PDB file of N, CA and C in Angstrom:
ATOM      1  N   MET A   1      -1.107 -20.219  -1.988  1.00  0.00           N
ATOM      2  CA  MET A   1       0.134 -20.697  -2.989  1.00  0.00           C
ATOM      3  C   MET A   1      -1.226 -19.699  -4.091  1.00  0.00           C
ATOM      4  N   LEU A   2      -2.341 -20.369  -4.863  1.00  0.00           N
ATOM      5  CA  LEU A   2      -2.620 -19.354  -5.955  1.00  0.00           C
ATOM      6  C   LEU A   2      -3.019 -18.706  -5.711  1.00  0.00           C
ATOM      7  N   TYR A   3      -3.129 -18.186  -4.477  1.00  0.00           N
ATOM      8  CA  TYR A   3      -3.995 -16.814  -4.290  1.00  0.00           C
ATOM      9  C   TYR A   3      -2.757 -15.817  -4.226  1.00  0.00           C
ATOM     10  N   ALA A   4      -2.014 -15.956  -3.727  1.00  0.00           N
ATOM     11  CA  ALA A   4      -0.430 -15.361  -4.127  1.00  0.00           C
ATOM     12  C   ALA A   4      -0.019 -15.640  -5.452  1.00  0.00           C
ATOM     13  N   LEU A   5       0.092 -16.418  -6.020  1.00  0.00           N
ATOM     14  CA  LEU A   5       0.323 -16.384  -7.715  1.00  0.00           C
ATOM     15  C   LEU A   5      -0.468 -15.799  -8.795  1.00  0.00           C
ATOM     16  N   ARG A   6      -1.641 -15.199  -8.515  1.00  0.00           N
ATOM     17  CA  ARG A   6      -2.598 -14.682  -9.179  1.00  0.00           C
ATOM     18  C   ARG A   6      -1.855 -13.138  -9.587  1.00  0.00           C
ATOM     19  N   PHE A   7      -1.329 -12.506  -7.987  1.00  0.00           N
ATOM     20  CA  PHE A   7      -0.996 -10.890  -8.128  1.00  0.00           C
ATOM     21  C   PHE A   7      -0.095 -11.226  -9.142  1.00  0.00           C
ATOM     22  N   THR A   8      -0.311  -9.815  -9.728  1.00  0.00           N
ATOM     23  CA  THR A   8       1.116  -9.173 -10.792  1.00  0.00           C
ATOM     24  C   THR A   8       1.893  -8.339  -9.648  1.00  0.00           C
ATOM     25  N   GLY A   9       3.172  -9.387 -10.061  1.00  0.00           N
ATOM     26  CA  GLY A   9       4.259  -9.216  -9.782  1.00  0.00           C
ATOM     27  C   GLY A   9       4.196  -9.767  -8.309  1.00  0.00           C
ATOM     28  N   GLY A  10       3.862 -11.018  -8.704  1.00  0.00           N
ATOM     29  CA  GLY A  10       3.827 -11.300  -6.882  1.00  0.00           C
ATOM     30  C   GLY A  10       4.870 -12.176  -6.637  1.00  0.00           C
ATOM     31  N   VAL A  11       6.232 -11.472  -6.641  1.00  0.00           N
ATOM     32  CA  VAL A  11       7.603 -11.837  -6.383  1.00  0.00           C
ATOM     33  C   VAL A  11       7.546 -13.095  -5.444  1.00  0.00           C
ATOM     34  N   PRO A  12       6.869 -12.791  -3.989  1.00  0.00           N
ATOM     35  CA  PRO A  12       6.939 -14.049  -3.163  1.00  0.00           C
ATOM     36  C   PRO A  12       5.966 -14.941  -3.733  1.00  0.00           C
ATOM     37  N   GLY A  13       5.093 -14.943  -3.732  1.00  0.00           N
ATOM     38  CA  GLY A  13       3.849 -15.722  -4.489  1.00  0.00           C
ATOM     39  C   GLY A  13       4.889 -16.616  -5.447  1.00  0.00           C
ATOM     40  N   ARG A  14       4.984 -16.390  -5.919  1.00  0.00           N
ATOM     41  CA  ARG A  14       6.204 -17.393  -6.771  1.00  0.00           C
ATOM     42  C   ARG A  14       7.752 -18.090  -6.590  1.00  0.00           C
ATOM     43  N   ARG A  15       8.088 -16.837  -6.188  1.00  0.00           N
ATOM     44  CA  ARG A  15       8.993 -17.625  -4.619  1.00  0.00           C
ATOM     45  C   ARG A  15       8.515 -19.250  -3.842  1.00  0.00           C
ATOM     46  N   ALA A  16       7.818 -18.218  -3.661  1.00  0.00           N
ATOM     47  CA  ALA A  16       7.187 -19.724  -2.696  1.00  0.00           C
ATOM     48  C   ALA A  16       7.080 -20.727  -3.349  1.00  0.00           C
ATOM     49  N   ALA A  17       5.719 -20.139  -4.434  1.00  0.00           N
ATOM     50  CA  ALA A  17       5.672 -21.718  -5.318  1.00  0.00           C
ATOM     51  C   ALA A  17       6.659 -22.629  -5.993  1.00  0.00           C
ATOM     52  N   ALA A  18       8.072 -21.789  -6.602  1.00  0.00           N
ATOM     53  CA  ALA A  18       9.199 -22.345  -6.714  1.00  0.00           C
ATOM     54  C   ALA A  18       9.640 -23.030  -5.223  1.00  0.00           C
ATOM     55  N   LEU A  19       9.891 -22.390  -4.389  1.00  0.00           N
ATOM     56  CA  LEU A  19      10.178 -23.431  -3.438  1.00  0.00           C
ATOM     57  C   LEU A  19       9.064 -24.294  -2.310  1.00  0.00           C
ATOM     58  N   ALA A  20       8.115 -24.273  -2.816  1.00  0.00           N
ATOM     59  CA  ALA A  20       6.844 -25.472  -2.271  1.00  0.00           C
ATOM     60  C   ALA A  20       7.287 -26.800  -3.652  1.00  0.00           C
ATOM     61  N   ALA A  21       7.568 -26.338  -4.894  1.00  0.00           N
ATOM     62  CA  ALA A  21       7.690 -27.412  -5.438  1.00  0.00           C
ATOM     63  C   ALA A  21       8.819 -27.809  -5.793  1.00  0.00           C
ATOM     64  N   GLY A  22       9.901 -27.226  -4.858  1.00  0.00           N
ATOM     65  CA  GLY A  22      11.375 -27.533  -4.545  1.00  0.00           C
ATOM     66  C   GLY A  22      12.156 -28.668  -5.680  1.00  0.00           C
ATOM     67  N   GLY A  23      11.895 -28.028  -6.970  1.00  0.00           N
ATOM     68  CA  GLY A  23      12.379 -28.849  -7.937  1.00  0.00           C
ATOM     69  C   GLY A  23      11.783 -30.335  -8.174  1.00  0.00           C
ATOM     70  N   GLY A  24      10.662 -30.532  -7.360  1.00  0.00           N
ATOM     71  CA  GLY A  24      10.755 -32.150  -7.964  1.00  0.00           C
ATOM     72  C   GLY A  24      11.325 -33.026  -6.875  1.00  0.00           C
ATOM     73  N   ARG A  25      11.543 -31.733  -5.715  1.00  0.00           N
ATOM     74  CA  ARG A  25      11.964 -32.335  -4.124  1.00  0.00           C
ATOM     75  C   ARG A  25      11.198 -31.329  -3.301  1.00  0.00           C
ATOM     76  N   PRO A  26       9.521 -32.281  -3.392  1.00  0.00           N
ATOM     77  CA  PRO A  26       9.110 -32.000  -2.560  1.00  0.00           C
ATOM     78  C   PRO A  26       9.061 -32.179  -0.339  1.00  0.00           C
ATOM     79  N   ASP A  27      10.102 -33.213  -0.568  1.00  0.00           N
ATOM     80  CA  ASP A  27      10.562 -33.400   0.865  1.00  0.00           C
ATOM     81  C   ASP A  27      11.683 -32.666   1.724  1.00  0.00           C
ATOM     82  N   ASP A  28      12.022 -31.762   0.839  1.00  0.00           N
ATOM     83  CA  ASP A  28      12.620 -30.558   1.097  1.00  0.00           C
ATOM     84  C   ASP A  28      12.567 -29.521   2.478  1.00  0.00           C
ATOM     85  N   GLU A  29      12.817 -30.282   3.223  1.00  0.00           N
ATOM     86  CA  GLU A  29      12.407 -29.540   4.339  1.00  0.00           C
ATOM     87  C   GLU A  29      12.689 -27.662   4.451  1.00  0.00           C
ATOM     88  N   ALA A  30      13.653 -27.429   4.292  1.00  0.00           N
ATOM     89  CA  ALA A  30      14.282 -26.054   4.226  1.00  0.00           C
ATOM     90  C   ALA A  30      13.623 -25.020   3.031  1.00  0.00           C
ATOM     91  N   LEU A  31      13.208 -26.018   1.889  1.00  0.00           N
ATOM     92  CA  LEU A  31      12.489 -25.020   0.911  1.00  0.00           C
ATOM     93  C   LEU A  31      11.023 -24.696   1.158  1.00  0.00           C
ATOM     94  N   LEU A  32      10.687 -26.267   1.916  1.00  0.00           N
ATOM     95  CA  LEU A  32       8.776 -25.808   2.808  1.00  0.00           C
ATOM     96  C   LEU A  32       8.882 -24.945   3.526  1.00  0.00           C
ATOM     97  N   ALA A  33       9.971 -24.888   4.246  1.00  0.00           N
ATOM     98  CA  ALA A  33       9.929 -23.740   5.290  1.00  0.00           C
ATOM     99  C   ALA A  33       9.870 -22.324   4.895  1.00  0.00           C
ATOM    100  N   GLU A  34      11.037 -21.984   3.922  1.00  0.00           N
ATOM    101  CA  GLU A  34      10.846 -20.874   3.184  1.00  0.00           C
ATOM    102  C   GLU A  34       9.858 -20.403   2.131  1.00  0.00           C
ATOM    103  N   ALA A  35       9.354 -21.303   1.469  1.00  0.00           N
ATOM    104  CA  ALA A  35       7.753 -21.368   1.071  1.00  0.00           C
ATOM    105  C   ALA A  35       6.514 -20.629   2.067  1.00  0.00           C
ATOM    106  N   LEU A  36       6.235 -21.658   3.482  1.00  0.00           N
ATOM    107  CA  LEU A  36       5.472 -21.355   4.227  1.00  0.00           C
ATOM    108  C   LEU A  36       5.676 -19.787   4.503  1.00  0.00           C
ATOM    109  N   THR A  37       7.007 -19.182   5.272  1.00  0.00           N
ATOM    110  CA  THR A  37       7.608 -18.599   5.703  1.00  0.00           C
ATOM    111  C   THR A  37       6.909 -17.315   4.307  1.00  0.00           C
ATOM    112  N   LEU A  38       7.434 -17.654   3.677  1.00  0.00           N
ATOM    113  CA  LEU A  38       6.874 -16.215   2.516  1.00  0.00           C
ATOM    114  C   LEU A  38       5.421 -16.165   2.104  1.00  0.00           C
ATOM    115  N   LEU A  39       4.617 -16.748   2.627  1.00  0.00           N
ATOM    116  CA  LEU A  39       3.050 -17.282   2.467  1.00  0.00           C
ATOM    117  C   LEU A  39       2.333 -16.607   3.010  1.00  0.00           C
ATOM    118  N   ARG A  40       3.034 -17.198   4.479  1.00  0.00           N
ATOM    119  CA  ARG A  40       2.082 -16.127   5.835  1.00  0.00           C
ATOM    120  C   ARG A  40       2.027 -14.907   5.770  1.00  0.00           C
ATOM    121  N   GLY A  41       3.379 -14.433   5.401  1.00  0.00           N
ATOM    122  CA  GLY A  41       3.196 -12.581   5.317  1.00  0.00           C
ATOM    123  C   GLY A  41       2.921 -12.110   3.482  1.00  0.00           C
ATOM    124  N   HIS A  42       2.204 -12.861   3.349  1.00  0.00           N
ATOM    125  CA  HIS A  42       1.092 -12.126   1.925  1.00  0.00           C
ATOM    126  C   HIS A  42       0.410 -12.058   1.835  1.00  0.00           C
ATOM    127  N   GLN A  43      -0.200 -11.135   1.341  1.00  0.00           N
ATOM    128  CA  GLN A  43      -2.140 -10.746   1.503  1.00  0.00           C
ATOM    129  C   GLN A  43      -2.940 -12.224   1.181  1.00  0.00           C
ATOM    130  N   ALA A  44      -1.785 -12.780   0.102  1.00  0.00           N
ATOM    131  CA  ALA A  44      -3.280 -13.675  -0.705  1.00  0.00           C
ATOM    132  C   ALA A  44      -3.627 -14.346   0.432  1.00  0.00           C
ATOM    133  N   MET A  45      -2.429 -14.659   2.314  1.00  0.00           N
ATOM    134  CA  MET A  45      -3.323 -15.479   3.001  1.00  0.00           C
ATOM    135  C   MET A  45      -5.017 -15.037   3.644  1.00  0.00           C
ATOM    136  N   LYS A  46      -4.962 -13.861   3.740  1.00  0.00           N
ATOM    137  CA  LYS A  46      -6.116 -12.920   4.225  1.00  0.00           C
ATOM    138  C   LYS A  46      -7.129 -13.370   3.162  1.00  0.00           C
ATOM    139  N   GLU A  47      -6.643 -12.743   2.181  1.00  0.00           N
ATOM    140  CA  GLU A  47      -8.068 -13.170   1.054  1.00  0.00           C
ATOM    141  C   GLU A  47      -8.586 -14.533   1.020  1.00  0.00           C
ATOM    142  N   SER A  48      -7.675 -15.429   1.119  1.00  0.00           N
ATOM    143  CA  SER A  48      -7.838 -17.329   0.802  1.00  0.00           C
ATOM    144  C   SER A  48      -8.713 -17.244   2.508  1.00  0.00           C
ATOM    145  N   ARG A  49      -8.200 -16.715   3.816  1.00  0.00           N
ATOM    146  CA  ARG A  49      -9.027 -17.257   4.420  1.00  0.00           C
ATOM    147  C   ARG A  49     -10.327 -16.192   4.745  1.00  0.00           C
ATOM    148  N   ALA A  50     -10.955 -15.197   4.216  1.00  0.00           N
ATOM    149  CA  ALA A  50     -11.816 -14.483   4.140  1.00  0.00           C
ATOM    150  C   ALA A  50     -12.440 -15.352   3.228  1.00  0.00           C
ATOM    151  N   ASP A  51     -12.159 -15.965   1.588  1.00  0.00           N
ATOM    152  CA  ASP A  51     -12.924 -16.998   1.305  1.00  0.00           C
ATOM    153  C   ASP A  51     -13.448 -18.719   1.754  1.00  0.00           C
ATOM    154  N   VAL A  52     -12.681 -19.014   2.612  1.00  0.00           N
ATOM    155  CA  VAL A  52     -12.551 -19.952   3.466  1.00  0.00           C
ATOM    156  C   VAL A  52     -13.657 -19.922   4.595  1.00  0.00           C
ATOM    157  N   LEU A  53     -13.967 -18.632   5.329  1.00  0.00           N
ATOM    158  CA  LEU A  53     -14.504 -18.164   5.853  1.00  0.00           C
ATOM    159  C   LEU A  53     -16.136 -18.434   5.427  1.00  0.00           C
ATOM    160  N   ASN A  54     -16.435 -17.677   4.601  1.00  0.00           N
ATOM    161  CA  ASN A  54     -17.470 -17.075   3.888  1.00  0.00           C
ATOM    162  C   ASN A  54     -18.197 -19.333   3.381  1.00  0.00           C
ATOM    163  N   TRP A  55     -17.081 -19.638   2.882  1.00  0.00           N
ATOM    164  CA  TRP A  55     -18.001 -20.857   2.090  1.00  0.00           C
ATOM    165  C   TRP A  55     -18.579 -21.885   3.418  1.00  0.00           C
ATOM    166  N   VAL A  56     -17.459 -21.426   4.535  1.00  0.00           N
ATOM    167  CA  VAL A  56     -18.022 -22.689   5.612  1.00  0.00           C
ATOM    168  C   VAL A  56     -19.213 -21.778   6.359  1.00  0.00           C
ATOM    169  N   HIS A  57     -19.604 -20.785   6.082  1.00  0.00           N
ATOM    170  CA  HIS A  57     -21.081 -20.205   6.582  1.00  0.00           C
ATOM    171  C   HIS A  57     -21.750 -20.425   5.431  1.00  0.00           C
ATOM    172  N   GLU A  58     -21.776 -20.158   3.565  1.00  0.00           N
ATOM    173  CA  GLU A  58     -22.995 -20.888   3.007  1.00  0.00           C
ATOM    174  C   GLU A  58     -22.642 -22.617   3.350  1.00  0.00           C
ATOM    175  N   ALA A  59     -22.342 -23.111   3.783  1.00  0.00           N
ATOM    176  CA  ALA A  59     -22.490 -24.579   4.037  1.00  0.00           C
ATOM    177  C   ALA A  59     -22.941 -24.805   5.408  1.00  0.00           C
ATOM    178  N   ARG A  60     -22.823 -23.968   5.878  1.00  0.00           N
ATOM    179  CA  ARG A  60     -23.849 -24.108   7.618  1.00  0.00           C
ATOM    180  C   ARG A  60     -24.456 -23.824   7.271  1.00  0.00           C
ATOM    181  N   THR A  61     -25.298 -22.896   6.779  1.00  0.00           N
ATOM    182  CA  THR A  61     -27.035 -22.254   5.651  1.00  0.00           C
ATOM    183  C   THR A  61     -27.417 -23.715   5.534  1.00  0.00           C
ATOM    184  N   SER A  62     -26.821 -23.889   4.404  1.00  0.00           N
ATOM    185  CA  SER A  62     -27.103 -24.805   3.906  1.00  0.00           C
ATOM    186  C   SER A  62     -27.427 -26.305   4.217  1.00  0.00           C
ATOM    187  N   ILE A  63     -26.496 -27.106   5.680  1.00  0.00           N
ATOM    188  CA  ILE A  63     -26.565 -27.289   6.224  1.00  0.00           C
ATOM    189  C   ILE A  63     -27.711 -27.330   7.375  1.00  0.00           C
ATOM    190  N   SER A  64     -28.029 -26.410   8.027  1.00  0.00           N
ATOM    191  CA  SER A  64     -29.378 -26.279   8.660  1.00  0.00           C
ATOM    192  C   SER A  64     -30.343 -26.505   8.109  1.00  0.00           C
ATOM    193  N   ALA A  65     -30.267 -26.564   6.887  1.00  0.00           N
ATOM    194  CA  ALA A  65     -31.819 -27.287   6.104  1.00  0.00           C
ATOM    195  C   ALA A  65     -32.427 -28.752   6.724  1.00  0.00           C
ATOM    196  N   LEU A  66     -30.788 -29.524   6.701  1.00  0.00           N
ATOM    197  CA  LEU A  66     -31.153 -30.755   7.131  1.00  0.00           C
ATOM    198  C   LEU A  66     -31.620 -31.289   8.379  1.00  0.00           C
ATOM    199  N   PRO A  67     -32.576 -32.004   8.587  1.00  0.00           N
ATOM    200  CA  PRO A  67     -33.026 -32.697   9.727  1.00  0.00           C
ATOM    201  C   PRO A  67     -31.732 -33.165  10.851  1.00  0.00           C
ATOM    202  N   ASP A  68     -31.633 -32.851  11.875  1.00  0.00           N
ATOM    203  CA  ASP A  68     -31.378 -33.113  12.705  1.00  0.00           C
ATOM    204  C   ASP A  68     -30.657 -34.589  12.978  1.00  0.00           C
ATOM    205  N   GLY A  69     -29.515 -35.775  12.841  1.00  0.00           N
ATOM    206  CA  GLY A  69     -29.509 -36.597  12.817  1.00  0.00           C
ATOM    207  C   GLY A  69     -28.020 -36.601  12.803  1.00  0.00           C
ATOM    208  N   PRO A  70     -27.001 -37.614  12.343  1.00  0.00           N
ATOM    209  CA  PRO A  70     -25.475 -37.843  12.064  1.00  0.00           C
ATOM    210  C   PRO A  70     -25.238 -37.052  11.217  1.00  0.00           C
ATOM    211  N   ALA A  71     -26.084 -37.806  10.209  1.00  0.00           N
ATOM    212  CA  ALA A  71     -25.332 -36.685   9.007  1.00  0.00           C
ATOM    213  C   ALA A  71     -24.869 -35.326   8.846  1.00  0.00           C
ATOM    214  N   ARG A  72     -25.747 -34.229   9.408  1.00  0.00           N
ATOM    215  CA  ARG A  72     -26.167 -33.116  10.089  1.00  0.00           C
ATOM    216  C   ARG A  72     -24.725 -32.601  10.241  1.00  0.00           C
ATOM    217  N   ALA A  73     -25.233 -33.562  11.667  1.00  0.00           N
ATOM    218  CA  ALA A  73     -23.558 -33.223  12.612  1.00  0.00           C
ATOM    219  C   ALA A  73     -21.995 -33.350  12.232  1.00  0.00           C
ATOM    220  N   ALA A  74     -22.070 -34.791  11.492  1.00  0.00           N
ATOM    221  CA  ALA A  74     -20.784 -34.632  10.647  1.00  0.00           C
ATOM    222  C   ALA A  74     -20.458 -33.560   9.915  1.00  0.00           C
ATOM    223  N   PHE A  75     -21.348 -33.102   9.397  1.00  0.00           N
ATOM    224  CA  PHE A  75     -21.679 -31.932   8.174  1.00  0.00           C
ATOM    225  C   PHE A  75     -20.848 -31.293   8.776  1.00  0.00           C
ATOM    226  N   LEU A  76     -21.555 -30.629   9.991  1.00  0.00           N
ATOM    227  CA  LEU A  76     -21.654 -29.492  11.310  1.00  0.00           C
ATOM    228  C   LEU A  76     -20.088 -29.074  11.396  1.00  0.00           C
ATOM    229  N   ALA A  77     -19.279 -30.709  12.072  1.00  0.00           N
ATOM    230  CA  ALA A  77     -18.208 -31.270  12.331  1.00  0.00           C
ATOM    231  C   ALA A  77     -17.048 -30.916  11.165  1.00  0.00           C
ATOM    232  N   LEU A  78     -17.251 -31.249   9.867  1.00  0.00           N
ATOM    233  CA  LEU A  78     -16.692 -30.746   9.157  1.00  0.00           C
ATOM    234  C   LEU A  78     -16.141 -29.328   8.987  1.00  0.00           C
ATOM    235  N   CYS A  79     -17.119 -28.182   8.949  1.00  0.00           N
ATOM    236  CA  CYS A  79     -17.254 -27.037   8.794  1.00  0.00           C
ATOM    237  C   CYS A  79     -16.549 -26.473   9.532  1.00  0.00           C
ATOM    238  N   HIS A  80     -16.776 -27.097  11.228  1.00  0.00           N
ATOM    239  CA  HIS A  80     -16.188 -26.506  12.090  1.00  0.00           C
ATOM    240  C   HIS A  80     -14.325 -26.585  12.113  1.00  0.00           C
ATOM    241  N   PHE A  81     -13.553 -27.842  11.682  1.00  0.00           N
ATOM    242  CA  PHE A  81     -12.829 -28.890  11.644  1.00  0.00           C
ATOM    243  C   PHE A  81     -11.673 -27.267  10.414  1.00  0.00           C
ATOM    244  N   VAL A  82     -12.623 -27.216   9.643  1.00  0.00           N
ATOM    245  CA  VAL A  82     -12.386 -26.663   8.193  1.00  0.00           C
ATOM    246  C   VAL A  82     -12.533 -24.781   8.590  1.00  0.00           C
ATOM    247  N   GLU A  83     -13.030 -25.120   9.136  1.00  0.00           N
ATOM    248  CA  GLU A  83     -13.029 -23.107  10.199  1.00  0.00           C
ATOM    249  C   GLU A  83     -11.470 -23.447  10.737  1.00  0.00           C
ATOM    250  N   LYS A  84     -11.129 -24.014  12.317  1.00  0.00           N
ATOM    251  CA  LYS A  84     -10.300 -24.100  13.036  1.00  0.00           C
ATOM    252  C   LYS A  84      -8.476 -24.795  11.805  1.00  0.00           C
ATOM    253  N   ARG A  85      -9.014 -25.469  10.959  1.00  0.00           N
ATOM    254  CA  ARG A  85      -7.682 -25.700  10.395  1.00  0.00           C
ATOM    255  C   ARG A  85      -7.445 -24.413   9.499  1.00  0.00           C
ATOM    256  N   THR A  86      -8.074 -23.831   9.105  1.00  0.00           N
ATOM    257  CA  THR A  86      -7.509 -22.849   8.169  1.00  0.00           C
ATOM    258  C   THR A  86      -7.330 -21.308   8.949  1.00  0.00           C
ATOM    259  N   GLY A  87      -7.436 -21.447  10.289  1.00  0.00           N
ATOM    260  CA  GLY A  87      -7.541 -20.242  10.723  1.00  0.00           C
ATOM    261  C   GLY A  87      -5.150 -20.189  11.778  1.00  0.00           C
TER     262      GLY A  87
END
């Protein structure tokens, strides 16, 4: 949503933000569905996905310096989750 809002003339992003805010009614499923539809069709989704994948790559590179063990495995699992969750 923040990526969509930063575009100049980002009417879809601004509309999505207004809908997602729901005028103080975050439980309104119709407003949320419309906001998600607007965001999914917005260029900002591609930009944010590219940033997330870059951050995951950087995290994996840093994690590779850790010794094998449960902590390293947990961090790598988190990277995998974030990568798949945002796909």
